[in-house]
Amino acid sequence: MLYGVPQYIDVEDKLVGPLTARQLGWMIAMGVAIFLCKVMITGPFFWVIAILVALAFIALAFYRPYGQPLYVFLGHGIGFIFSPKIYIWKRTAEIFKNPEKINKGEKKENGLGAKRKKEISALDLEALARTMDTEGEDRSKRILEIIKQRKKS
């Protein structure tokens, strides 16, 4: 049995002529804003302000960057500006509180069957995590020793 798949689901219904309800709302808001400008501002300066207000409201009504309304696009931009840009890692695992050694893994060298264990203690992991959390500002001597050991092997 065949079912009809809805198409053009992002097209809004036309309310007045070629205008949708949302576009009509923006046009009415533009008229109110220009009327308020006319009441408050007189002379040639009014026309400059009226043209700028009209352009802004026409853009809000008709311009769709990346397939979304301009006011949604501007909202996302403002949200991006005021949201934090640094992800702060919040460790929740209890596994690192035990000071015993944790196996990092075993590797075979050249396929000859010889195995080499890489072990790192929980205290070393805590020191590394502290260094990473402070973006390198809190760097201890133990961290530098770990880095030198890892470069040699």
Protein backbone atom coordinates (compact mmCIF):
# COMPACT_ATOMS: atom_id res chain seq x y z
CA MET A 1 0.00 0.00 0.00
CA LEU A 2 1.37 3.41 -0.96
CA TYR A 3 1.23 6.39 1.32
CA GLY A 4 1.67 10.00 0.33
CA VAL A 5 4.80 11.59 1.73
CA PRO A 6 4.30 15.22 2.74
CA GLN A 7 6.31 17.65 0.65
CA TYR A 8 7.14 21.33 1.10
CA ILE A 9 6.62 21.14 4.85
CA ASP A 10 8.70 24.29 5.39
CA VAL A 11 6.39 26.46 3.24
CA GLU A 12 3.99 28.52 5.32
CA ASP A 13 0.39 29.21 4.32
CA LYS A 14 -0.30 32.51 2.57
CA LEU A 15 -2.60 34.71 4.61
CA VAL A 16 -2.90 38.00 2.74
CA GLY A 17 -1.91 37.89 -0.92
CA PRO A 18 1.67 36.63 -1.14
CA LEU A 19 2.38 37.28 2.57
CA THR A 20 2.40 34.67 5.31
CA ALA A 21 1.14 35.45 8.81
CA ARG A 22 4.68 35.96 10.09
CA GLN A 23 5.60 38.30 7.22
CA LEU A 24 2.37 40.24 7.71
CA GLY A 25 3.22 40.61 11.40
CA TRP A 26 6.65 42.04 10.56
CA MET A 27 5.09 44.48 8.06
CA ILE A 28 2.59 45.68 10.67
CA ALA A 29 5.42 46.08 13.20
CA MET A 30 7.35 48.06 10.58
CA GLY A 31 4.38 50.40 10.09
CA VAL A 32 4.07 50.93 13.84
CA ALA A 33 7.82 51.59 14.20
CA ILE A 34 7.83 54.10 11.32
CA PHE A 35 4.75 55.82 12.77
CA LEU A 36 6.50 56.14 16.15
CA CYS A 37 9.56 57.56 14.39
CA LYS A 38 7.33 60.12 12.60
CA VAL A 39 5.78 61.20 15.89
CA MET A 40 9.16 61.59 17.63
CA ILE A 41 11.39 62.82 14.78
CA THR A 42 10.66 65.61 12.29
CA GLY A 43 12.52 66.94 9.28
CA PRO A 44 14.83 65.16 6.86
CA PHE A 45 16.40 63.06 9.62
CA PHE A 46 13.09 61.16 9.84
CA TRP A 47 13.51 59.80 6.30
CA VAL A 48 16.96 58.41 7.06
CA ILE A 49 15.68 56.65 10.16
CA ALA A 50 12.51 55.47 8.38
CA ILE A 51 14.50 53.90 5.52
CA LEU A 52 16.82 52.11 7.97
CA VAL A 53 13.87 50.83 10.02
CA ALA A 54 12.07 49.68 6.86
CA LEU A 55 15.16 47.82 5.60
CA ALA A 56 15.60 46.11 8.95
CA PHE A 57 11.97 44.96 9.12
CA ILE A 58 11.91 43.85 5.47
CA ALA A 59 15.04 41.78 6.13
CA LEU A 60 13.42 40.27 9.23
CA ALA A 61 10.32 39.40 7.20
CA PHE A 62 11.81 38.03 3.97
CA TYR A 63 15.53 37.21 4.30
CA ARG A 64 16.27 33.58 5.23
CA PRO A 65 20.01 32.88 5.73
CA TYR A 66 20.79 29.14 5.67
CA GLY A 67 17.09 28.31 5.35
CA GLN A 68 16.01 29.81 8.67
CA PRO A 69 14.34 33.13 9.50
CA LEU A 70 16.67 36.06 10.15
CA TYR A 71 15.47 36.56 13.73
CA VAL A 72 16.36 32.91 14.52
CA PHE A 73 19.76 33.36 12.85
CA LEU A 74 20.42 36.53 14.88
CA GLY A 75 19.31 34.76 18.07
CA HIS A 76 21.81 31.97 17.46
CA GLY A 77 24.54 34.54 16.79
CA ILE A 78 23.81 36.41 20.03
CA GLY A 79 23.71 33.11 21.92
CA PHE A 80 27.10 32.18 20.50
CA ILE A 81 28.59 35.53 21.51
CA PHE A 82 27.46 35.24 25.13
CA SER A 83 27.97 31.49 25.66
CA PRO A 84 31.24 30.20 27.12
CA LYS A 85 33.77 29.04 24.51
CA ILE A 86 35.87 26.79 26.76
CA TYR A 87 34.63 23.32 27.62
CA ILE A 88 35.38 22.56 31.24
CA TRP A 89 36.01 18.88 31.87
CA LYS A 90 34.23 17.57 34.93
CA ARG A 91 35.60 14.18 35.92
CA THR A 92 33.04 11.95 37.62
CA ALA A 93 34.81 8.57 37.62
CA GLU A 94 35.96 7.23 40.98
CA ILE A 95 38.60 4.98 39.38
CA PHE A 96 41.42 7.51 39.72
CA LYS A 97 41.26 7.83 43.50
CA ASN A 98 42.98 4.46 44.05
CA PRO A 99 46.79 4.99 44.17
CA GLU A 100 47.62 1.57 42.71
CA LYS A 101 49.14 1.29 39.26
CA ILE A 102 46.88 1.10 36.24
CA ASN A 103 47.93 -0.83 33.14
CA LYS A 104 47.90 1.34 30.09
CA GLY A 105 48.29 -1.61 27.76
CA GLU A 106 50.70 -4.13 26.41
CA LYS A 107 52.49 -3.83 23.10
CA LYS A 108 54.28 -6.38 20.95
CA GLU A 109 57.55 -5.24 19.48
CA ASN A 110 58.23 -6.23 15.85
CA GLY A 111 55.81 -9.15 16.13
CA LEU A 112 58.42 -11.32 17.92
CA GLY A 113 56.19 -11.95 20.88
CA ALA A 114 58.14 -9.81 23.34
CA LYS A 115 55.74 -7.77 25.43
CA ARG A 116 56.44 -4.45 27.05
CA LYS A 117 54.14 -3.13 29.75
CA LYS A 118 53.44 0.56 30.01
CA GLU A 119 52.37 1.42 33.51
CA ILE A 120 51.45 4.76 34.94
CA SER A 121 50.48 5.38 38.54
CA ALA A 122 47.28 7.03 39.64
CA LEU A 123 49.30 9.84 41.23
CA ASP A 124 50.93 10.52 37.87
CA LEU A 125 47.49 10.57 36.27
CA GLU A 126 46.27 13.04 38.87
CA ALA A 127 49.28 15.28 38.21
CA LEU A 128 48.65 15.12 34.46
CA ALA A 129 44.95 15.88 34.96
CA ARG A 130 45.77 18.85 37.21
CA THR A 131 48.18 20.18 34.58
CA MET A 132 45.56 19.82 31.87
CA ASP A 133 42.83 21.41 34.01
CA THR A 134 44.98 24.48 34.66
CA GLU A 135 46.06 24.62 31.00
CA GLY A 136 49.72 24.08 31.90
CA GLU A 137 50.00 26.73 34.60
CA ASP A 138 50.31 24.17 37.42
CA ARG A 139 53.21 22.08 36.11
CA SER A 140 55.16 20.03 38.66
CA LYS A 141 58.60 18.44 38.41
CA ARG A 142 56.96 15.01 38.28
CA ILE A 143 55.13 15.97 35.09
CA LEU A 144 58.37 17.00 33.43
CA GLU A 145 59.94 13.67 34.45
CA ILE A 146 56.99 11.76 32.97
CA ILE A 147 57.28 13.67 29.71
CA LYS A 148 61.03 12.96 29.50
CA GLN A 149 60.45 9.24 30.20
CA ARG A 150 57.78 8.99 27.51
CA LYS A 151 60.00 10.71 24.93
CA LYS A 152 62.79 8.19 25.58
CA SER A 153 60.56 5.14 25.14
